[in-house]
Protein backbone atom coordinates (compact mmCIF):
# COMPACT_ATOMS: atom_id res chain seq x y z
CA UNK A 1 161.97 -110.09 55.45
CA UNK A 2 159.97 -113.32 55.58
CA UNK A 3 160.81 -116.76 56.81
CA UNK A 4 161.64 -118.90 53.78
CA UNK A 5 159.71 -121.86 55.24
CA UNK A 6 156.50 -120.60 56.87
CA UNK A 7 156.60 -117.09 55.32
CA UNK A 8 156.06 -115.43 58.68
CA UNK A 9 157.45 -111.93 59.20
CA UNK A 10 158.08 -112.72 62.87
CA UNK A 11 161.82 -113.01 62.25
CA UNK A 12 164.63 -111.76 64.49
CA UNK A 13 168.41 -111.50 64.23
CA UNK A 14 170.06 -114.56 65.79
CA UNK A 15 173.67 -113.38 65.50
CA UNK A 16 176.17 -111.76 63.15
CA UNK A 17 179.47 -113.23 62.00
CA UNK A 18 181.85 -110.56 60.75
CA UNK A 19 184.33 -110.73 57.87
CA UNK A 20 182.92 -113.72 56.04
CA UNK A 21 183.74 -114.50 52.41
CA UNK A 22 181.24 -113.60 49.70
CA UNK A 23 181.18 -117.19 48.48
CA UNK A 24 182.22 -120.32 50.35
CA UNK A 25 181.58 -123.00 47.73
CA UNK A 26 182.94 -121.29 44.63
CA UNK A 27 186.62 -120.56 44.14
CA UNK A 28 187.92 -117.47 42.33
CA UNK A 29 189.82 -117.59 39.07
CA UNK A 30 191.77 -114.42 39.92
CA UNK A 31 192.50 -112.54 43.13
CA UNK A 32 190.52 -109.50 42.06
CA UNK A 33 187.50 -111.39 40.72
CA UNK A 34 184.06 -110.18 41.77
CA UNK A 35 183.04 -111.75 45.07
CA UNK A 36 186.57 -111.95 46.45
CA UNK A 37 186.10 -109.55 49.37
CA UNK A 38 184.72 -109.99 52.88
CA UNK A 39 181.35 -109.11 54.32
CA UNK A 40 179.30 -109.73 57.44
CA UNK A 41 176.95 -112.72 57.62
CA UNK A 42 173.73 -112.19 59.55
CA UNK A 43 171.66 -115.19 60.61
CA UNK A 44 167.96 -114.75 61.35
CA UNK A 45 165.59 -117.05 63.20
CA UNK A 46 161.86 -117.37 62.65
CA UNK A 47 160.07 -117.13 65.99
CA UNK A 48 157.12 -119.10 64.62
CA UNK A 49 158.62 -122.22 62.99
CA UNK A 50 162.22 -122.00 64.21
CA UNK A 51 163.86 -121.80 60.77
CA UNK A 52 167.34 -120.25 60.70
CA UNK A 53 168.38 -118.44 57.53
CA UNK A 54 170.22 -115.55 55.98
CA UNK A 55 168.45 -112.78 54.09
CA UNK A 56 168.19 -114.18 50.54
CA UNK A 57 167.82 -110.73 49.00
CA UNK A 58 170.81 -109.81 46.89
CA UNK A 59 172.28 -113.28 46.50
CA UNK A 60 173.47 -113.78 42.94
CA UNK A 61 172.62 -117.45 42.81
CA UNK A 62 171.78 -117.63 39.12
CA UNK A 63 175.26 -116.49 38.17
CA UNK A 64 176.74 -118.62 40.94
CA UNK A 65 175.12 -121.93 40.01
CA UNK A 66 175.80 -121.63 36.30
CA UNK A 67 179.50 -121.96 37.09
CA UNK A 68 179.25 -124.31 40.06
CA UNK A 69 180.60 -127.84 40.33
CA UNK A 70 181.16 -130.18 43.25
CA UNK A 71 182.27 -133.78 42.93
CA UNK A 72 180.94 -136.20 45.52
CA UNK A 73 183.26 -139.06 44.62
CA UNK A 74 186.46 -137.59 46.07
CA UNK A 75 186.14 -138.89 49.64
CA UNK A 76 185.44 -142.33 51.10
CA UNK A 77 182.77 -140.98 53.46
CA UNK A 78 180.76 -139.42 50.61
CA UNK A 79 181.06 -142.56 48.50
CA UNK A 80 179.96 -144.78 51.38
CA UNK A 81 177.08 -142.46 52.29
CA UNK A 82 175.79 -142.21 48.72
CA UNK A 83 176.00 -145.97 48.20
CA UNK A 84 174.05 -146.52 51.41
CA UNK A 85 171.35 -144.11 50.21
CA UNK A 86 171.17 -145.78 46.80
CA UNK A 87 170.83 -149.20 48.44
CA UNK A 88 168.10 -147.87 50.72
CA UNK A 89 166.14 -146.46 47.77
CA UNK A 90 166.38 -149.83 46.06
CA UNK A 91 165.20 -151.65 49.19
CA UNK A 92 162.35 -149.24 49.91
CA UNK A 93 160.98 -148.58 46.45
CA UNK A 94 162.41 -151.14 44.02
CA UNK A 95 163.92 -148.55 41.68
CA UNK A 96 164.74 -150.90 38.82
CA UNK A 97 163.01 -149.60 35.70
CA UNK A 98 161.68 -146.52 37.55
CA UNK A 99 162.06 -142.99 36.20
CA UNK A 100 163.92 -140.83 38.72
CA UNK A 101 164.82 -137.16 38.51
CA UNK A 102 167.70 -135.67 40.49
CA UNK A 103 167.56 -131.96 41.21
CA UNK A 104 171.10 -130.61 41.24
CA UNK A 105 173.06 -133.66 40.12
CA UNK A 106 176.55 -132.13 40.11
CA UNK A 107 178.90 -134.41 38.22
CA UNK A 108 176.30 -137.21 38.17
CA UNK A 109 177.96 -139.50 40.72
CA UNK A 110 174.77 -140.34 42.63
CA UNK A 111 172.74 -140.60 39.44
CA UNK A 112 175.20 -143.18 38.16
CA UNK A 113 174.74 -145.21 41.36
CA UNK A 114 171.00 -145.29 40.69
CA UNK A 115 171.57 -146.26 37.05
CA UNK A 116 173.75 -149.15 38.24
CA UNK A 117 170.74 -150.34 40.24
CA UNK A 118 168.49 -150.30 37.19
CA UNK A 119 166.86 -146.87 37.38
CA UNK A 120 166.31 -144.45 34.49
CA UNK A 121 167.82 -141.19 35.72
CA UNK A 122 167.29 -137.65 34.48
CA UNK A 123 168.50 -134.49 36.16
CA UNK A 124 167.78 -130.78 36.30
CA UNK A 125 171.10 -129.01 36.68
CA UNK A 126 171.86 -125.30 36.04
CA UNK A 127 175.60 -125.81 35.54
CA UNK A 128 176.50 -126.61 31.92
CA UNK A 129 179.83 -128.01 33.07
CA UNK A 130 178.13 -130.36 35.51
CA UNK A 131 175.63 -131.45 32.87
CA UNK A 132 178.39 -132.54 30.52
CA UNK A 133 180.05 -134.63 33.22
CA UNK A 134 176.76 -136.16 34.37
CA UNK A 135 175.78 -137.10 30.83
CA UNK A 136 179.07 -138.98 30.51
CA UNK A 137 177.83 -141.11 33.41
CA UNK A 138 174.54 -141.87 31.63
CA UNK A 139 172.35 -139.21 33.26
CA UNK A 140 169.99 -137.34 30.94
CA UNK A 141 170.35 -133.66 31.87
CA UNK A 142 168.15 -130.61 31.49
CA UNK A 143 170.49 -127.62 31.75
CA UNK A 144 168.11 -125.26 33.54
CA UNK A 145 166.77 -124.15 36.93
CA UNK A 146 163.92 -126.10 38.51
CA UNK A 147 161.83 -123.13 39.55
CA UNK A 148 162.19 -121.04 36.38
CA UNK A 149 163.14 -123.28 33.48
CA UNK A 150 161.14 -126.50 33.48
CA UNK A 151 157.97 -125.25 31.78
CA UNK A 152 158.10 -126.40 28.18
CA UNK A 153 161.38 -128.25 28.69
CA UNK A 154 160.49 -131.08 31.06
CA UNK A 155 157.31 -132.80 29.90
CA UNK A 156 157.72 -136.24 31.47
CA UNK A 157 156.49 -137.23 34.92
CA UNK A 158 158.74 -139.12 37.30
CA UNK A 159 158.21 -142.01 39.71
CA UNK A 160 160.67 -140.61 42.21
CA UNK A 161 163.10 -137.80 42.90
CA UNK A 162 166.37 -137.11 44.67
CA UNK A 163 167.79 -133.77 45.76
CA UNK A 164 170.94 -133.82 47.85
CA UNK A 165 172.45 -130.79 49.57
CA UNK A 166 170.59 -128.45 47.27
CA UNK A 167 167.60 -126.98 49.08
CA UNK A 168 169.77 -125.25 51.68
CA UNK A 169 171.00 -123.06 48.81
CA UNK A 170 167.51 -122.23 47.55
CA UNK A 171 166.06 -118.78 48.23
CA UNK A 172 162.41 -119.86 48.01
CA UNK A 173 162.03 -123.52 49.02
CA UNK A 174 158.23 -123.40 48.75
CA UNK A 175 158.47 -122.33 45.10
CA UNK A 176 161.20 -124.92 44.56
CA UNK A 177 159.02 -127.74 45.93
CA UNK A 178 155.92 -126.55 44.06
CA UNK A 179 157.93 -126.67 40.83
CA UNK A 180 159.20 -130.13 41.72
CA UNK A 181 155.63 -131.33 42.17
CA UNK A 182 154.82 -130.36 38.58
CA UNK A 183 157.12 -133.07 37.21
CA UNK A 184 156.18 -135.86 39.64
CA UNK A 185 153.47 -138.47 39.41
CA UNK A 186 150.97 -138.47 42.29
CA UNK A 187 152.32 -140.89 44.86
CA UNK A 188 155.92 -140.39 43.75
CA UNK A 189 158.49 -141.02 46.44
CA UNK A 190 161.55 -138.92 47.14
CA UNK A 191 164.81 -138.51 49.02
CA UNK A 192 166.03 -135.14 50.22
CA UNK A 193 168.95 -134.20 52.44
CA UNK A 194 170.55 -130.96 53.58
CA UNK A 195 173.41 -130.03 55.93
CA UNK A 196 172.30 -130.43 59.54
CA UNK A 197 172.04 -127.22 61.57
CA UNK A 198 171.72 -129.39 64.67
CA UNK A 199 175.17 -130.86 63.97
CA UNK A 200 176.59 -127.36 63.54
CA UNK A 201 175.16 -126.22 66.88
CA UNK A 202 176.16 -129.30 68.85
CA UNK A 203 179.72 -129.25 67.55
CA UNK A 204 179.95 -125.44 67.78
CA UNK A 205 181.08 -125.21 64.16
CA UNK A 206 180.78 -121.52 63.32
CA UNK A 207 182.64 -122.26 60.08
CA UNK A 208 179.55 -124.14 58.84
CA UNK A 209 177.82 -120.77 58.48
CA UNK A 210 178.27 -120.13 54.78
CA UNK A 211 177.30 -116.82 53.19
CA UNK A 212 175.90 -118.60 50.13
CA UNK A 213 173.79 -121.05 52.16
CA UNK A 214 170.33 -119.59 52.57
CA UNK A 215 168.65 -122.10 54.89
CA UNK A 216 169.95 -123.90 57.96
CA UNK A 217 167.63 -126.85 58.47
CA UNK A 218 166.93 -129.08 61.43
CA UNK A 219 164.78 -132.21 61.25
CA UNK A 220 161.83 -130.09 62.42
CA UNK A 221 162.13 -127.36 59.80
CA UNK A 222 162.86 -129.84 57.01
CA UNK A 223 159.68 -131.74 57.84
CA UNK A 224 157.80 -128.43 58.10
CA UNK A 225 158.70 -127.26 54.59
CA UNK A 226 158.07 -130.66 53.01
CA UNK A 227 154.65 -131.11 54.62
CA UNK A 228 153.62 -127.56 53.67
CA UNK A 229 154.14 -128.49 50.03
CA UNK A 230 152.17 -131.76 49.92
CA UNK A 231 155.11 -134.07 50.56
CA UNK A 232 154.33 -136.56 53.31
CA UNK A 233 157.44 -137.37 55.34
CA UNK A 234 157.64 -141.11 55.98
CA UNK A 235 161.07 -141.20 57.62
CA UNK A 236 163.70 -138.75 58.87
CA UNK A 237 167.35 -139.76 59.03
CA UNK A 238 170.77 -138.36 59.92
CA UNK A 239 173.57 -139.50 57.62
CA UNK A 240 177.31 -139.28 57.01
CA UNK A 241 178.08 -139.26 60.73
CA UNK A 242 175.35 -136.71 61.36
CA UNK A 243 176.51 -134.18 58.78
CA UNK A 244 173.19 -134.30 56.94
CA UNK A 245 169.57 -134.42 57.96
CA UNK A 246 167.32 -136.02 55.39
CA UNK A 247 163.88 -137.42 54.75
CA UNK A 248 162.08 -139.97 52.64
CA UNK A 249 158.81 -138.54 51.38
CA UNK A 250 155.74 -139.31 49.29
CA UNK A 251 154.18 -136.66 47.05
CA UNK A 252 150.40 -136.29 47.34
CA UNK A 253 149.86 -134.82 43.89
CA UNK A 254 147.64 -132.03 45.21
CA UNK A 255 146.69 -130.52 48.54
CA UNK A 256 145.11 -133.28 50.63
CA UNK A 257 145.38 -135.56 47.61
CA UNK A 258 145.90 -138.71 49.65
CA UNK A 259 143.01 -137.80 51.94
CA UNK A 260 140.69 -137.20 48.99
CA UNK A 261 141.58 -140.60 47.55
CA UNK A 262 141.10 -142.32 50.89
CA UNK A 263 137.31 -142.65 50.64
CA UNK A 264 137.49 -144.13 47.15
CA UNK A 265 140.22 -146.55 48.20
CA UNK A 266 138.18 -147.56 51.26
CA UNK A 267 135.19 -148.39 49.08
CA UNK A 268 137.36 -150.22 46.55
CA UNK A 269 138.99 -152.25 49.33
CA UNK A 270 135.66 -153.37 50.77
CA UNK A 271 134.35 -154.25 47.32
CA UNK A 272 137.40 -156.36 46.46
CA UNK A 273 137.42 -158.01 49.89
CA UNK A 274 133.76 -158.92 49.53
CA UNK A 275 134.33 -160.30 46.03
CA UNK A 276 137.20 -162.46 47.24
CA UNK A 277 135.22 -163.86 50.19
CA UNK A 278 132.22 -164.54 47.94
CA UNK A 279 134.44 -166.56 45.59
CA UNK A 280 135.54 -168.86 48.43
CA UNK A 281 132.00 -169.20 49.74
CA UNK A 282 130.66 -170.03 46.27
CA UNK A 283 133.31 -172.73 45.91
CA UNK A 284 132.35 -174.24 49.27
CA UNK A 285 135.70 -173.32 50.80
CA UNK A 286 136.29 -172.19 54.36
CA UNK A 287 138.26 -169.10 55.36
CA UNK A 288 139.76 -168.07 58.71
CA UNK A 289 142.00 -165.23 59.84
CA UNK A 290 145.15 -164.77 61.89
CA UNK A 291 145.35 -161.72 64.12
CA UNK A 292 142.76 -160.35 66.58
CA UNK A 293 144.50 -157.02 67.01
CA UNK A 294 143.09 -153.60 66.23
CA UNK A 295 143.60 -153.97 62.47
CA UNK A 296 141.68 -157.23 62.41
CA UNK A 297 138.84 -155.75 64.44
CA UNK A 298 138.42 -152.75 62.13
CA UNK A 299 138.94 -154.61 58.84
CA UNK A 300 136.22 -157.16 59.51
CA UNK A 301 133.81 -154.61 60.95
CA UNK A 302 134.20 -152.00 58.19
CA UNK A 303 133.95 -154.65 55.47
CA UNK A 304 130.78 -156.18 56.90
CA UNK A 305 132.29 -159.63 57.52
CA UNK A 306 130.71 -162.12 59.91
CA UNK A 307 130.76 -165.85 60.64
CA UNK A 308 129.12 -166.63 57.30
CA UNK A 309 132.36 -165.56 55.60
CA UNK A 310 135.05 -166.21 58.23
CA UNK A 311 135.05 -169.26 60.49
CA UNK A 312 137.30 -167.96 63.26
CA UNK A 313 140.18 -165.62 64.09
CA UNK A 314 143.42 -167.06 65.45
CA UNK A 315 145.62 -165.20 67.92
CA UNK A 316 148.64 -166.30 69.96
CA UNK A 317 147.62 -164.13 72.93
CA UNK A 318 145.80 -166.48 75.30
CA UNK A 319 144.03 -163.52 76.94
CA UNK A 320 142.04 -163.11 73.72
CA UNK A 321 140.89 -166.72 73.40
CA UNK A 322 137.18 -167.48 73.71
CA UNK A 323 136.31 -163.83 73.15
CA UNK A 324 134.77 -162.07 70.14
CA UNK A 325 135.74 -159.20 67.86
CA UNK A 326 133.61 -156.06 68.24
CA UNK A 327 131.48 -155.32 65.19
CA UNK A 328 131.90 -158.61 63.34
CA UNK A 329 131.45 -160.77 66.50
CA UNK A 330 133.92 -163.29 65.10
CA UNK A 331 135.25 -165.81 67.67
CA UNK A 332 138.91 -165.67 68.71
CA UNK A 333 140.62 -169.04 69.10
CA UNK A 334 144.01 -170.58 69.90
CA UNK A 335 146.53 -171.38 67.13
CA UNK A 336 145.98 -175.15 67.50
CA UNK A 337 142.55 -174.60 65.95
CA UNK A 338 144.32 -174.38 62.58
CA UNK A 339 145.01 -178.13 62.87
CA UNK A 340 141.77 -179.05 64.61
CA UNK A 341 139.45 -177.18 62.25
CA UNK A 342 141.28 -176.88 58.91
CA UNK A 343 140.35 -174.14 56.45
CA UNK A 344 141.19 -173.53 52.81
CA UNK A 345 142.46 -169.97 53.18
CA UNK A 346 143.92 -167.82 55.94
CA UNK A 347 143.67 -164.03 56.05
CA UNK A 348 146.64 -162.35 57.76
CA UNK A 349 145.49 -159.11 59.37
CA UNK A 350 148.86 -158.08 60.82
CA UNK A 351 150.20 -156.40 57.69
CA UNK A 352 153.67 -155.72 59.08
CA UNK A 353 154.03 -159.26 60.46
CA UNK A 354 152.79 -161.23 57.46
CA UNK A 355 156.15 -162.85 56.72
CA UNK A 356 156.71 -164.34 60.16
CA UNK A 357 153.04 -165.34 60.50
CA UNK A 358 153.13 -167.09 57.13
CA UNK A 359 156.23 -169.04 58.16
CA UNK A 360 154.58 -170.05 61.45
CA UNK A 361 151.42 -171.19 59.71
CA UNK A 362 153.28 -173.42 57.29
CA UNK A 363 156.14 -174.67 59.45
CA UNK A 364 154.49 -174.93 62.88
CA UNK A 365 150.88 -175.72 62.03
CA UNK A 366 151.17 -177.49 58.68
CA UNK A 367 148.90 -175.05 56.87
CA UNK A 368 148.83 -175.64 53.11
CA UNK A 369 145.97 -173.43 51.93
CA UNK A 370 145.89 -169.95 50.42
CA UNK A 371 147.47 -167.04 52.27
CA UNK A 372 145.38 -163.87 51.86
CA UNK A 373 147.12 -160.52 52.34
CA UNK A 374 145.28 -157.22 52.74
CA UNK A 375 147.74 -154.63 51.45
CA UNK A 376 147.46 -152.67 49.28
CA UNK A 377 144.31 -154.58 48.24
CA UNK A 378 143.05 -158.02 49.34
CA UNK A 379 144.85 -160.69 47.30
CA UNK A 380 146.15 -164.24 47.49
CA UNK A 381 149.90 -164.49 48.05
CA UNK A 382 151.38 -165.89 44.80
CA UNK A 383 153.00 -169.30 45.11
CA UNK A 384 156.34 -168.01 43.80
CA UNK A 385 156.48 -165.37 46.51
CA UNK A 386 155.41 -167.90 49.13
CA UNK A 387 158.27 -170.21 48.14
CA UNK A 388 160.79 -167.36 48.38
CA UNK A 389 159.42 -166.32 51.76
CA UNK A 390 159.65 -169.85 53.17
CA UNK A 391 163.17 -170.27 51.81
CA UNK A 392 164.44 -167.09 53.49
């Protein structure tokens, strides 16, 4: 047997729970229905990556999922948790108008939350019953399995994806994620969560060991399987009072796809930055910068800037005043220089602090020129956005 995450054969028995049910998340229609008996549940642990799992061989998941349905709107905790996730997706990625695919949508409750926030939601769902309910909520459903049924059926490419409490039931998560990548645009973002094995261990909840749950993920093993399949993890979270461990991710599009694009983006950045500075110089306008931190040092050095393009660099740290940036040799000055030696445009090098720096420039130092931001490409902050920023 192999580890379902790292595919190592260095797997050992962790423990055995006797007399478990055949299914834990599917109820029987009759007492003598197939799957109604008891059997022992053996958990294995990978000694290489730490993944905990059952042996997926013999699980009848195809039959199981075709008749599976779970509603997430029956409890206040689920409703609150899902609304929080939907709000976070909106805040992080601006999902209005974006095409999102949910893998394993159930009755479509979460998909409907995304639709209410302006997203276009499709789903891949093996249960025909679930598909009918989800479609009533406005979710476009493909009644198939992700890893075996999307070829020829799903031709569109999505901006983002969601899969909630699904991958723990998947026998081959690497195949699952590879199939998911086929229907995503490069750079697509995603949300994934699974039941937390850490929560189970800490609370000593043996009853969380389900015979139809293949994988028992921690934050570490969830990150491991995502990164192995070209999904960069940008944030890990624990939700619903710790019941679930989840991650926000970005899909590379191919192995090392982001790294391969990095050189081209670097060259494009420098070209655009140079063009922008040339336009100010040609118009006889002066430019300065705010921020003598590491980002400012590298940006101006890599882009070939010097005092012919940038008059000075402002920083609030008095230990940096009257010194010079390595590479570009630009002088570092105190904030009062903004008043004493006015310029027509100010570059903000501290990408994560641009809002507060912009407010300080305008409110505290009376700056009225252009604000130049550097992410994702050098550009002048539009006046409409500047007004909203100052009003907030």
